[in-house]
Amino acid sequence: MANGLATFLTYEVDYLKTNEMWAAIISTINGIAMAYGYRFWGRFSKNNGNSAAITIASLGMALAPFFYSISTKIYHVTYFVALTGFSVSGVMLLLLNSLYEVSPRENRTSFIAFYNLVTNITLVISPWIGMRLSHFTGIKTAFVIVGFLRILSGLTFLMRHKKQQVEVL
């Protein structure tokens, strides 16, 4: 994720003038969507393959920055937070599923540890990058840039999925 939560939260607080009630509403909707999403993406992956599922989930997650960039009121965020929370849960679950698919059984613990390390490093760095980008370009432009980067990321999953389909044939 090329942009961190800090940029989204900054937009909600500084630009959309959210308060504690709206933050609670958004958090609750997001949590419910994620809880449902984990179940959905697990079944979807089982039926359609992990590769197809992560492609769809990552492209869904790419929509969040675009939605934020067009939001002018905090209640707009509540309209789409369910979709983005649903997609984020899919990406989180399916990345871990992908790790299980490709890591050798005998070294799986080391692979999981490395994955968690790299994930945590990106969770520290990405908010800083997102905020720096927003200072240079403006927050809405930063959202659009990050949205396109997320789409490119999703397209790499699509290329992986297509490659796996060709290998099966």
N, C-alpha and C. Protein backbone atom coordinates (compact mmCIF):
# COMPACT_ATOMS: atom_id res chain seq x y z
N MET A 1 0.84 -1.16 0.00
CA MET A 1 0.00 0.00 0.00
C MET A 1 0.89 1.23 0.00
N ALA A 2 0.79 1.97 -1.04
CA ALA A 2 1.70 3.09 -1.20
C ALA A 2 1.31 4.31 -0.38
N ASN A 3 0.19 4.27 0.24
CA ASN A 3 -0.22 5.41 1.06
C ASN A 3 -0.71 4.87 2.39
N GLY A 4 -0.40 5.57 3.43
CA GLY A 4 -0.77 5.09 4.74
C GLY A 4 -2.07 5.67 5.24
N LEU A 5 -2.54 5.08 6.30
CA LEU A 5 -3.76 5.51 6.95
C LEU A 5 -3.69 6.97 7.37
N ALA A 6 -2.50 7.46 7.66
CA ALA A 6 -2.35 8.84 8.15
C ALA A 6 -2.92 9.84 7.16
N THR A 7 -2.71 9.62 5.87
CA THR A 7 -3.20 10.56 4.87
C THR A 7 -4.73 10.55 4.83
N PHE A 8 -5.32 9.38 4.91
CA PHE A 8 -6.78 9.27 4.91
C PHE A 8 -7.35 9.95 6.15
N LEU A 9 -6.75 9.67 7.30
CA LEU A 9 -7.21 10.27 8.55
C LEU A 9 -7.02 11.78 8.54
N THR A 10 -5.90 12.24 8.01
CA THR A 10 -5.66 13.69 7.89
C THR A 10 -6.75 14.33 7.04
N TYR A 11 -7.11 13.69 5.96
CA TYR A 11 -8.16 14.24 5.09
C TYR A 11 -9.49 14.30 5.83
N GLU A 12 -9.81 13.23 6.56
CA GLU A 12 -11.06 13.21 7.31
C GLU A 12 -11.11 14.32 8.35
N VAL A 13 -10.02 14.52 9.06
CA VAL A 13 -10.00 15.49 10.16
C VAL A 13 -9.82 16.92 9.64
N ASP A 14 -8.80 17.13 8.83
CA ASP A 14 -8.45 18.49 8.42
C ASP A 14 -9.32 19.05 7.31
N TYR A 15 -9.78 18.21 6.39
CA TYR A 15 -10.51 18.71 5.24
C TYR A 15 -12.01 18.46 5.35
N LEU A 16 -12.39 17.30 5.88
CA LEU A 16 -13.81 16.98 5.99
C LEU A 16 -14.39 17.32 7.37
N LYS A 17 -13.53 17.75 8.27
CA LYS A 17 -13.94 18.21 9.61
C LYS A 17 -14.76 17.17 10.37
N THR A 18 -14.25 15.97 10.41
CA THR A 18 -14.94 14.90 11.11
C THR A 18 -14.92 15.13 12.61
N ASN A 19 -15.80 14.45 13.30
CA ASN A 19 -15.81 14.48 14.76
C ASN A 19 -15.82 13.03 15.25
N GLU A 20 -15.86 12.86 16.56
CA GLU A 20 -15.78 11.51 17.13
C GLU A 20 -16.93 10.62 16.68
N MET A 21 -18.13 11.19 16.55
CA MET A 21 -19.27 10.37 16.12
C MET A 21 -19.05 9.81 14.72
N TRP A 22 -18.63 10.67 13.78
CA TRP A 22 -18.39 10.20 12.42
C TRP A 22 -17.23 9.22 12.37
N ALA A 23 -16.21 9.46 13.15
CA ALA A 23 -15.08 8.52 13.20
C ALA A 23 -15.55 7.16 13.69
N ALA A 24 -16.42 7.15 14.68
CA ALA A 24 -16.96 5.88 15.19
C ALA A 24 -17.83 5.19 14.15
N ILE A 25 -18.66 5.96 13.45
CA ILE A 25 -19.52 5.38 12.40
C ILE A 25 -18.66 4.76 11.31
N ILE A 26 -17.66 5.50 10.85
CA ILE A 26 -16.80 5.00 9.78
C ILE A 26 -16.03 3.77 10.24
N SER A 27 -15.52 3.81 11.44
CA SER A 27 -14.78 2.67 11.98
C SER A 27 -15.67 1.44 12.12
N THR A 28 -16.90 1.64 12.56
CA THR A 28 -17.83 0.52 12.73
C THR A 28 -18.20 -0.10 11.39
N ILE A 29 -18.53 0.74 10.43
CA ILE A 29 -18.87 0.24 9.09
C ILE A 29 -17.68 -0.51 8.50
N ASN A 30 -16.50 0.06 8.63
CA ASN A 30 -15.29 -0.58 8.12
C ASN A 30 -15.07 -1.94 8.80
N GLY A 31 -15.23 -1.99 10.11
CA GLY A 31 -15.03 -3.25 10.84
C GLY A 31 -16.02 -4.33 10.43
N ILE A 32 -17.27 -3.95 10.26
CA ILE A 32 -18.29 -4.92 9.82
C ILE A 32 -17.97 -5.42 8.42
N ALA A 33 -17.60 -4.50 7.54
CA ALA A 33 -17.26 -4.88 6.16
C ALA A 33 -16.06 -5.82 6.14
N MET A 34 -15.06 -5.53 6.97
CA MET A 34 -13.88 -6.40 7.01
C MET A 34 -14.23 -7.78 7.55
N ALA A 35 -15.06 -7.83 8.60
CA ALA A 35 -15.45 -9.13 9.16
C ALA A 35 -16.18 -9.97 8.12
N TYR A 36 -17.09 -9.35 7.40
CA TYR A 36 -17.79 -10.05 6.33
C TYR A 36 -16.82 -10.41 5.21
N GLY A 37 -15.91 -9.47 4.91
CA GLY A 37 -14.96 -9.67 3.82
C GLY A 37 -14.06 -10.87 4.02
N TYR A 38 -13.57 -11.07 5.24
CA TYR A 38 -12.70 -12.23 5.49
C TYR A 38 -13.41 -13.53 5.15
N ARG A 39 -14.65 -13.65 5.56
CA ARG A 39 -15.42 -14.87 5.24
C ARG A 39 -15.65 -14.99 3.74
N PHE A 40 -16.07 -13.88 3.13
CA PHE A 40 -16.35 -13.89 1.69
C PHE A 40 -15.11 -14.26 0.89
N TRP A 41 -13.99 -13.57 1.15
CA TRP A 41 -12.78 -13.80 0.35
C TRP A 41 -12.23 -15.19 0.57
N GLY A 42 -12.38 -15.75 1.77
CA GLY A 42 -11.95 -17.13 2.00
C GLY A 42 -12.71 -18.10 1.12
N ARG A 43 -14.03 -17.93 1.07
CA ARG A 43 -14.86 -18.81 0.21
C ARG A 43 -14.59 -18.55 -1.26
N PHE A 44 -14.50 -17.27 -1.62
CA PHE A 44 -14.26 -16.91 -3.02
C PHE A 44 -12.94 -17.50 -3.50
N SER A 45 -11.92 -17.40 -2.68
CA SER A 45 -10.62 -17.95 -3.01
C SER A 45 -10.67 -19.46 -3.17
N LYS A 46 -11.39 -20.10 -2.28
CA LYS A 46 -11.51 -21.56 -2.35
C LYS A 46 -12.20 -21.99 -3.65
N ASN A 47 -13.21 -21.23 -4.09
CA ASN A 47 -13.97 -21.58 -5.29
C ASN A 47 -13.32 -21.11 -6.58
N ASN A 48 -12.61 -19.99 -6.56
CA ASN A 48 -12.10 -19.38 -7.80
C ASN A 48 -10.59 -19.27 -7.87
N GLY A 49 -9.92 -19.62 -6.80
CA GLY A 49 -8.47 -19.53 -6.77
C GLY A 49 -8.00 -18.25 -6.10
N ASN A 50 -6.91 -18.38 -5.41
CA ASN A 50 -6.33 -17.26 -4.67
C ASN A 50 -5.90 -16.14 -5.61
N SER A 51 -5.36 -16.50 -6.75
CA SER A 51 -4.84 -15.53 -7.69
C SER A 51 -5.95 -14.62 -8.23
N ALA A 52 -7.07 -15.20 -8.61
CA ALA A 52 -8.20 -14.39 -9.11
C ALA A 52 -8.75 -13.52 -8.00
N ALA A 53 -8.85 -14.07 -6.80
CA ALA A 53 -9.41 -13.33 -5.68
C ALA A 53 -8.57 -12.12 -5.31
N ILE A 54 -7.26 -12.31 -5.24
CA ILE A 54 -6.40 -11.17 -4.84
C ILE A 54 -6.38 -10.09 -5.92
N THR A 55 -6.54 -10.48 -7.16
CA THR A 55 -6.62 -9.49 -8.24
C THR A 55 -7.83 -8.60 -8.04
N ILE A 56 -8.98 -9.19 -7.79
CA ILE A 56 -10.21 -8.42 -7.61
C ILE A 56 -10.15 -7.58 -6.34
N ALA A 57 -9.68 -8.19 -5.26
CA ALA A 57 -9.61 -7.46 -3.98
C ALA A 57 -8.66 -6.27 -4.07
N SER A 58 -7.51 -6.45 -4.71
CA SER A 58 -6.55 -5.35 -4.80
C SER A 58 -7.07 -4.22 -5.68
N LEU A 59 -7.78 -4.56 -6.73
CA LEU A 59 -8.36 -3.50 -7.57
C LEU A 59 -9.48 -2.78 -6.81
N GLY A 60 -10.23 -3.51 -5.99
CA GLY A 60 -11.23 -2.86 -5.14
C GLY A 60 -10.59 -1.92 -4.14
N MET A 61 -9.47 -2.34 -3.58
CA MET A 61 -8.76 -1.50 -2.61
C MET A 61 -8.20 -0.25 -3.29
N ALA A 62 -7.89 -0.34 -4.56
CA ALA A 62 -7.35 0.82 -5.30
C ALA A 62 -8.38 1.93 -5.42
N LEU A 63 -9.65 1.61 -5.24
CA LEU A 63 -10.68 2.64 -5.37
C LEU A 63 -10.71 3.62 -4.20
N ALA A 64 -10.24 3.22 -3.04
CA ALA A 64 -10.32 4.06 -1.84
C ALA A 64 -9.72 5.46 -2.04
N PRO A 65 -8.49 5.59 -2.55
CA PRO A 65 -7.95 6.95 -2.71
C PRO A 65 -8.77 7.81 -3.68
N PHE A 66 -9.30 7.19 -4.72
CA PHE A 66 -10.13 7.95 -5.67
C PHE A 66 -11.41 8.43 -4.99
N PHE A 67 -12.02 7.54 -4.19
CA PHE A 67 -13.23 7.93 -3.47
C PHE A 67 -12.95 9.08 -2.51
N TYR A 68 -11.84 8.98 -1.80
CA TYR A 68 -11.49 10.07 -0.89
C TYR A 68 -11.28 11.37 -1.65
N SER A 69 -10.66 11.30 -2.81
CA SER A 69 -10.35 12.52 -3.56
C SER A 69 -11.61 13.24 -4.04
N ILE A 70 -12.72 12.53 -4.18
CA ILE A 70 -13.96 13.17 -4.63
C ILE A 70 -14.91 13.48 -3.49
N SER A 71 -14.55 13.09 -2.27
CA SER A 71 -15.41 13.34 -1.12
C SER A 71 -15.29 14.79 -0.68
N THR A 72 -16.44 15.42 -0.49
CA THR A 72 -16.44 16.79 0.00
C THR A 72 -17.09 16.90 1.38
N LYS A 73 -17.74 15.85 1.82
CA LYS A 73 -18.37 15.81 3.15
C LYS A 73 -18.03 14.47 3.80
N ILE A 74 -17.98 14.47 5.12
CA ILE A 74 -17.59 13.25 5.83
C ILE A 74 -18.57 12.12 5.58
N TYR A 75 -19.84 12.44 5.40
CA TYR A 75 -20.79 11.35 5.17
C TYR A 75 -20.56 10.66 3.82
N HIS A 76 -19.86 11.32 2.89
CA HIS A 76 -19.51 10.65 1.64
C HIS A 76 -18.61 9.45 1.91
N VAL A 77 -17.73 9.60 2.89
CA VAL A 77 -16.81 8.51 3.24
C VAL A 77 -17.59 7.28 3.68
N THR A 78 -18.70 7.49 4.38
CA THR A 78 -19.48 6.34 4.86
C THR A 78 -20.11 5.56 3.72
N TYR A 79 -20.30 6.20 2.57
CA TYR A 79 -20.89 5.50 1.43
C TYR A 79 -19.97 4.43 0.87
N PHE A 80 -18.69 4.68 0.89
CA PHE A 80 -17.78 3.74 0.25
C PHE A 80 -16.86 2.99 1.19
N VAL A 81 -16.86 3.33 2.47
CA VAL A 81 -15.94 2.67 3.39
C VAL A 81 -16.23 1.16 3.50
N ALA A 82 -17.47 0.78 3.29
CA ALA A 82 -17.79 -0.65 3.32
C ALA A 82 -17.07 -1.38 2.18
N LEU A 83 -17.08 -0.80 0.99
CA LEU A 83 -16.41 -1.42 -0.15
C LEU A 83 -14.90 -1.50 0.08
N THR A 84 -14.32 -0.42 0.56
CA THR A 84 -12.88 -0.44 0.75
C THR A 84 -12.46 -1.35 1.90
N GLY A 85 -13.22 -1.37 2.99
CA GLY A 85 -12.92 -2.29 4.09
C GLY A 85 -13.04 -3.74 3.64
N PHE A 86 -14.07 -4.01 2.86
CA PHE A 86 -14.28 -5.34 2.30
C PHE A 86 -13.09 -5.75 1.44
N SER A 87 -12.61 -4.83 0.62
CA SER A 87 -11.47 -5.13 -0.26
C SER A 87 -10.17 -5.28 0.51
N VAL A 88 -9.95 -4.42 1.49
CA VAL A 88 -8.71 -4.50 2.29
C VAL A 88 -8.62 -5.83 3.02
N SER A 89 -9.73 -6.30 3.55
CA SER A 89 -9.70 -7.61 4.24
C SER A 89 -9.31 -8.71 3.26
N GLY A 90 -9.79 -8.59 2.02
CA GLY A 90 -9.42 -9.58 1.00
C GLY A 90 -7.93 -9.55 0.71
N VAL A 91 -7.37 -8.37 0.55
CA VAL A 91 -5.94 -8.26 0.25
C VAL A 91 -5.12 -8.84 1.41
N MET A 92 -5.49 -8.49 2.63
CA MET A 92 -4.74 -8.98 3.79
C MET A 92 -4.79 -10.50 3.87
N LEU A 93 -5.96 -11.08 3.74
CA LEU A 93 -6.12 -12.53 3.81
C LEU A 93 -5.43 -13.22 2.65
N LEU A 94 -5.62 -12.69 1.46
CA LEU A 94 -5.13 -13.37 0.27
C LEU A 94 -3.62 -13.25 0.09
N LEU A 95 -3.02 -12.17 0.59
CA LEU A 95 -1.56 -12.11 0.58
C LEU A 95 -0.98 -13.20 1.46
N LEU A 96 -1.58 -13.41 2.62
CA LEU A 96 -1.10 -14.48 3.49
C LEU A 96 -1.34 -15.85 2.85
N ASN A 97 -2.50 -16.03 2.21
CA ASN A 97 -2.76 -17.28 1.49
C ASN A 97 -1.72 -17.50 0.40
N SER A 98 -1.36 -16.43 -0.32
CA SER A 98 -0.34 -16.54 -1.37
C SER A 98 1.00 -16.96 -0.80
N LEU A 99 1.31 -16.41 0.36
CA LEU A 99 2.56 -16.79 1.03
C LEU A 99 2.57 -18.29 1.34
N TYR A 100 1.45 -18.79 1.84
CA TYR A 100 1.36 -20.23 2.12
C TYR A 100 1.50 -21.06 0.85
N GLU A 101 0.96 -20.56 -0.24
CA GLU A 101 1.04 -21.29 -1.51
C GLU A 101 2.47 -21.43 -2.02
N VAL A 102 3.26 -20.37 -1.88
CA VAL A 102 4.57 -20.37 -2.52
C VAL A 102 5.73 -20.72 -1.60
N SER A 103 5.52 -20.67 -0.30
CA SER A 103 6.64 -20.94 0.61
C SER A 103 6.79 -22.44 0.84
N PRO A 104 8.05 -22.91 0.82
CA PRO A 104 8.27 -24.33 1.08
C PRO A 104 7.92 -24.67 2.53
N ARG A 105 7.36 -25.81 2.72
CA ARG A 105 6.88 -26.22 4.04
C ARG A 105 7.98 -26.19 5.10
N GLU A 106 9.19 -26.62 4.74
CA GLU A 106 10.25 -26.72 5.74
C GLU A 106 10.75 -25.36 6.23
N ASN A 107 10.57 -24.30 5.44
CA ASN A 107 11.04 -22.97 5.85
C ASN A 107 9.88 -21.98 6.02
N ARG A 108 8.69 -22.47 6.13
CA ARG A 108 7.51 -21.60 6.14
C ARG A 108 7.54 -20.59 7.29
N THR A 109 8.00 -21.00 8.46
CA THR A 109 8.05 -20.08 9.60
C THR A 109 8.96 -18.90 9.31
N SER A 110 10.08 -19.15 8.67
CA SER A 110 11.00 -18.06 8.31
C SER A 110 10.36 -17.13 7.29
N PHE A 111 9.66 -17.69 6.32
CA PHE A 111 8.98 -16.87 5.32
C PHE A 111 7.90 -16.00 5.96
N ILE A 112 7.15 -16.57 6.88
CA ILE A 112 6.10 -15.81 7.58
C ILE A 112 6.72 -14.69 8.41
N ALA A 113 7.82 -14.98 9.08
CA ALA A 113 8.50 -13.96 9.88
C ALA A 113 8.99 -12.83 8.98
N PHE A 114 9.60 -13.17 7.85
CA PHE A 114 10.08 -12.14 6.93
C PHE A 114 8.92 -11.33 6.37
N TYR A 115 7.85 -12.00 5.99
CA TYR A 115 6.65 -11.31 5.48
C TYR A 115 6.13 -10.31 6.51
N ASN A 116 6.03 -10.72 7.77
CA ASN A 116 5.55 -9.83 8.83
C ASN A 116 6.51 -8.66 9.04
N LEU A 117 7.81 -8.92 8.97
CA LEU A 117 8.79 -7.85 9.11
C LEU A 117 8.63 -6.81 8.00
N VAL A 118 8.58 -7.27 6.76
CA VAL A 118 8.45 -6.35 5.63
C VAL A 118 7.11 -5.61 5.69
N THR A 119 6.05 -6.29 6.05
CA THR A 119 4.75 -5.65 6.17
C THR A 119 4.79 -4.55 7.23
N ASN A 120 5.38 -4.84 8.36
CA ASN A 120 5.45 -3.83 9.42
C ASN A 120 6.33 -2.65 9.04
N ILE A 121 7.39 -2.91 8.30
CA ILE A 121 8.23 -1.81 7.82
C ILE A 121 7.42 -0.91 6.89
N THR A 122 6.66 -1.50 5.99
CA THR A 122 5.85 -0.68 5.08
C THR A 122 4.76 0.07 5.83
N LEU A 123 4.25 -0.50 6.91
CA LEU A 123 3.23 0.19 7.70
C LEU A 123 3.81 1.39 8.44
N VAL A 124 5.12 1.38 8.67
CA VAL A 124 5.78 2.53 9.29
C VAL A 124 6.11 3.58 8.23
N ILE A 125 6.61 3.14 7.09
CA ILE A 125 7.10 4.05 6.07
C ILE A 125 5.98 4.65 5.22
N SER A 126 4.98 3.87 4.87
CA SER A 126 3.97 4.37 3.92
C SER A 126 3.19 5.59 4.41
N PRO A 127 2.82 5.70 5.69
CA PRO A 127 2.16 6.95 6.10
C PRO A 127 3.06 8.18 5.91
N TRP A 128 4.33 8.01 6.19
CA TRP A 128 5.26 9.12 6.01
C TRP A 128 5.35 9.51 4.54
N ILE A 129 5.46 8.51 3.66
CA ILE A 129 5.53 8.78 2.22
C ILE A 129 4.25 9.45 1.75
N GLY A 130 3.11 8.94 2.20
CA GLY A 130 1.83 9.54 1.80
C GLY A 130 1.71 10.98 2.24
N MET A 131 2.13 11.28 3.45
CA MET A 131 2.05 12.65 3.94
C MET A 131 3.04 13.55 3.20
N ARG A 132 4.24 13.07 2.93
CA ARG A 132 5.21 13.86 2.17
C ARG A 132 4.67 14.15 0.77
N LEU A 133 4.13 13.14 0.15
CA LEU A 133 3.56 13.31 -1.19
C LEU A 133 2.44 14.35 -1.16
N SER A 134 1.59 14.29 -0.14
CA SER A 134 0.49 15.26 -0.06
C SER A 134 1.00 16.68 0.17
N HIS A 135 2.14 16.83 0.85
CA HIS A 135 2.71 18.16 1.05
C HIS A 135 3.28 18.73 -0.25
N PHE A 136 3.79 17.86 -1.11
CA PHE A 136 4.36 18.32 -2.38
C PHE A 136 3.30 18.56 -3.45
N THR A 137 2.25 17.76 -3.44
CA THR A 137 1.29 17.79 -4.55
C THR A 137 -0.09 18.30 -4.16
N GLY A 138 -0.40 18.31 -2.89
CA GLY A 138 -1.77 18.54 -2.43
C GLY A 138 -2.38 17.19 -2.14
N ILE A 139 -3.29 17.17 -1.19
CA ILE A 139 -3.79 15.88 -0.72
C ILE A 139 -4.63 15.15 -1.77
N LYS A 140 -5.44 15.87 -2.53
CA LYS A 140 -6.27 15.21 -3.54
C LYS A 140 -5.42 14.64 -4.67
N THR A 141 -4.40 15.36 -5.08
CA THR A 141 -3.49 14.85 -6.10
C THR A 141 -2.74 13.62 -5.57
N ALA A 142 -2.34 13.67 -4.32
CA ALA A 142 -1.67 12.51 -3.71
C ALA A 142 -2.59 11.29 -3.73
N PHE A 143 -3.87 11.50 -3.43
CA PHE A 143 -4.82 10.38 -3.48
C PHE A 143 -4.88 9.79 -4.89
N VAL A 144 -4.93 10.62 -5.90
CA VAL A 144 -5.01 10.13 -7.27
C VAL A 144 -3.74 9.37 -7.65
N ILE A 145 -2.59 9.90 -7.28
CA ILE A 145 -1.32 9.22 -7.56
C ILE A 145 -1.30 7.86 -6.88
N VAL A 146 -1.68 7.83 -5.62
CA VAL A 146 -1.68 6.57 -4.87
C VAL A 146 -2.70 5.60 -5.47
N GLY A 147 -3.85 6.12 -5.89
CA GLY A 147 -4.85 5.26 -6.53
C GLY A 147 -4.29 4.59 -7.78
N PHE A 148 -3.59 5.36 -8.60
CA PHE A 148 -2.99 4.77 -9.80
C PHE A 148 -1.89 3.77 -9.45
N LEU A 149 -1.11 4.05 -8.42
CA LEU A 149 -0.10 3.07 -7.99
C LEU A 149 -0.75 1.78 -7.51
N ARG A 150 -1.87 1.92 -6.81
CA ARG A 150 -2.58 0.72 -6.37
C ARG A 150 -3.17 -0.05 -7.54
N ILE A 151 -3.64 0.67 -8.55
CA ILE A 151 -4.14 -0.02 -9.75
C ILE A 151 -3.01 -0.79 -10.42
N LEU A 152 -1.84 -0.16 -10.54
CA LEU A 152 -0.68 -0.87 -11.11
C LEU A 152 -0.35 -2.11 -10.30
N SER A 153 -0.42 -1.99 -8.99
CA SER A 153 -0.19 -3.14 -8.12
C SER A 153 -1.22 -4.23 -8.40
N GLY A 154 -2.47 -3.84 -8.51
CA GLY A 154 -3.52 -4.81 -8.81
C GLY A 154 -3.32 -5.48 -10.16
N LEU A 155 -2.82 -4.70 -11.13
CA LEU A 155 -2.57 -5.27 -12.45
C LEU A 155 -1.44 -6.29 -12.42
N THR A 156 -0.48 -6.13 -11.51
CA THR A 156 0.56 -7.15 -11.39
C THR A 156 -0.04 -8.47 -10.90
N PHE A 157 -1.03 -8.37 -10.01
CA PHE A 157 -1.72 -9.60 -9.60
C PHE A 157 -2.50 -10.20 -10.76
N LEU A 158 -3.07 -9.34 -11.61
CA LEU A 158 -3.78 -9.82 -12.79
C LEU A 158 -2.82 -10.54 -13.73
N MET A 159 -1.62 -9.96 -13.93
CA MET A 159 -0.64 -10.62 -14.79
C MET A 159 -0.23 -11.98 -14.20
N ARG A 160 -0.08 -12.03 -12.89
CA ARG A 160 0.26 -13.29 -12.23
C ARG A 160 -0.86 -14.31 -12.44
N HIS A 161 -2.09 -13.85 -12.30
CA HIS A 161 -3.24 -14.73 -12.49
C HIS A 161 -3.28 -15.27 -13.91
N LYS A 162 -3.08 -14.40 -14.90
CA LYS A 162 -3.08 -14.84 -16.31
C LYS A 162 -1.95 -15.84 -16.57
N LYS A 163 -0.79 -15.57 -15.99
CA LYS A 163 0.36 -16.48 -16.15
C LYS A 163 0.04 -17.85 -15.56
N GLN A 164 -0.59 -17.87 -14.40
CA GLN A 164 -0.94 -19.14 -13.78
C GLN A 164 -1.97 -19.90 -14.60
N GLN A 165 -2.90 -19.17 -15.23
CA GLN A 165 -3.90 -19.83 -16.08
C GLN A 165 -3.24 -20.47 -17.29
N VAL A 166 -2.25 -19.79 -17.87
CA VAL A 166 -1.53 -20.33 -19.05
C VAL A 166 -0.73 -21.56 -18.64
N GLU A 167 -0.12 -21.53 -17.45
CA GLU A 167 0.68 -22.66 -16.98
C GLU A 167 -0.18 -23.90 -16.75
N VAL A 168 -1.42 -23.69 -16.35
CA VAL A 168 -2.33 -24.82 -16.10
C VAL A 168 -2.73 -25.48 -17.41
N LEU A 169 -2.88 -24.68 -18.45
CA LEU A 169 -3.29 -25.22 -19.76
C LEU A 169 -2.12 -25.93 -20.35
